[in-house]
Protein backbone atom coordinates (compact mmCIF):
# COMPACT_ATOMS: atom_id res chain seq x y z
CA MET A 1 46.63 -84.48 -58.51
CA SER A 2 47.45 -86.48 -61.90
CA PRO A 3 46.12 -85.12 -65.26
CA LEU A 4 43.01 -87.39 -65.55
CA ASP A 5 41.77 -85.99 -62.28
CA ARG A 6 42.73 -82.39 -63.26
CA LYS A 7 40.73 -82.94 -66.55
CA MET A 8 37.51 -84.37 -64.50
CA TYR A 9 37.78 -81.55 -62.13
CA VAL A 10 37.85 -78.89 -65.08
CA VAL A 11 34.59 -80.74 -66.64
CA HIS A 12 33.08 -81.02 -63.50
CA GLU A 13 33.24 -77.19 -62.82
CA LEU A 14 32.40 -76.41 -66.32
CA LEU A 15 29.08 -78.73 -65.63
CA ASN A 16 28.40 -76.65 -62.67
CA LEU A 17 28.93 -73.45 -64.36
CA GLU A 18 26.43 -74.29 -66.80
CA GLU A 19 23.73 -75.56 -64.64
CA ARG A 20 24.38 -71.88 -62.94
CA LEU A 21 23.93 -70.18 -66.28
CA LYS A 22 20.97 -71.94 -66.76
CA ASP A 23 19.45 -70.95 -63.46
CA LEU A 24 20.27 -67.30 -64.06
CA THR A 25 18.90 -67.13 -67.78
CA THR A 26 15.61 -68.97 -66.10
CA ASP A 27 15.25 -66.22 -63.61
CA LEU A 28 16.18 -63.51 -66.46
CA GLN A 29 13.15 -64.55 -68.73
CA ASN A 30 10.99 -64.16 -65.27
CA MET A 31 12.48 -61.17 -64.18
CA LYS A 32 12.02 -59.68 -67.78
CA GLU A 33 8.33 -59.77 -67.04
CA GLU A 34 8.64 -58.27 -63.47
CA PHE A 35 10.53 -55.16 -64.31
CA ALA A 36 8.45 -54.08 -67.24
CA TYR A 37 5.54 -51.74 -66.97
CA HIS A 38 2.53 -50.65 -69.35
CA VAL A 39 3.15 -47.33 -71.11
CA LYS A 40 0.02 -45.10 -70.26
CA ASN A 41 -2.51 -45.39 -73.39
CA TYR A 42 -0.14 -47.95 -74.78
CA TYR A 43 -3.42 -49.76 -76.48
CA PHE A 44 -4.06 -46.58 -78.45
CA MET A 45 -0.48 -46.53 -79.88
CA GLY A 46 0.11 -47.78 -83.68
CA LYS A 47 3.00 -50.24 -82.80
CA PHE A 48 0.62 -52.00 -80.09
CA LYS A 49 -2.25 -52.36 -82.68
CA ALA A 50 0.25 -53.56 -85.28
CA GLY A 51 1.55 -56.23 -82.73
CA PHE A 52 4.88 -54.82 -83.14
CA TRP A 53 5.15 -54.14 -79.20
CA ASP A 54 3.33 -55.45 -76.06
CA GLY A 55 3.04 -51.97 -74.78
CA LYS A 56 5.46 -52.54 -72.06
CA ILE A 57 8.79 -50.80 -71.21
CA HIS A 58 11.23 -53.75 -70.23
CA PHE A 59 13.93 -52.47 -68.05
CA ILE A 60 16.07 -55.93 -68.96
CA THR A 61 16.82 -56.06 -72.91
CA GLU A 62 16.16 -59.15 -75.31
CA ALA A 63 20.10 -59.24 -74.89
CA GLY A 64 19.84 -59.67 -70.82
CA LEU A 65 21.30 -56.14 -70.24
CA ILE A 66 20.27 -54.80 -67.02
CA PRO A 67 20.75 -51.06 -65.86
CA TYR A 68 23.16 -50.93 -63.11
CA GLY A 69 20.98 -49.62 -60.59
CA LEU A 70 18.59 -52.73 -60.86
CA LEU A 71 21.45 -55.08 -60.54
CA PRO A 72 21.35 -55.37 -56.46
CA ILE A 73 17.58 -55.84 -56.76
CA PHE A 74 17.92 -58.79 -59.47
CA LEU A 75 20.63 -60.60 -57.51
CA LYS A 76 18.44 -60.35 -54.25
CA LYS A 77 15.56 -61.83 -56.19
CA SER A 78 17.34 -64.41 -58.29
CA LYS A 79 18.52 -65.97 -54.87
CA LYS A 80 15.01 -66.41 -53.79
């Protein structure tokens, strides 16, 4: 394999990886809402009334961190 072919291969693999990461990011955003639930009586809480909180407990954080126990479920749903 020539050096140019190797470079083209690396670029191709990086583009494929970028595409997969975009797909995972989209899945993560969709799953973030799916893995969230409203707290009982959230509408009476000050942070909700002030607009600082949506009243939900999110199991997927803003940084994209997922509890280890939910990882198999997330991976199954992201394949669909």
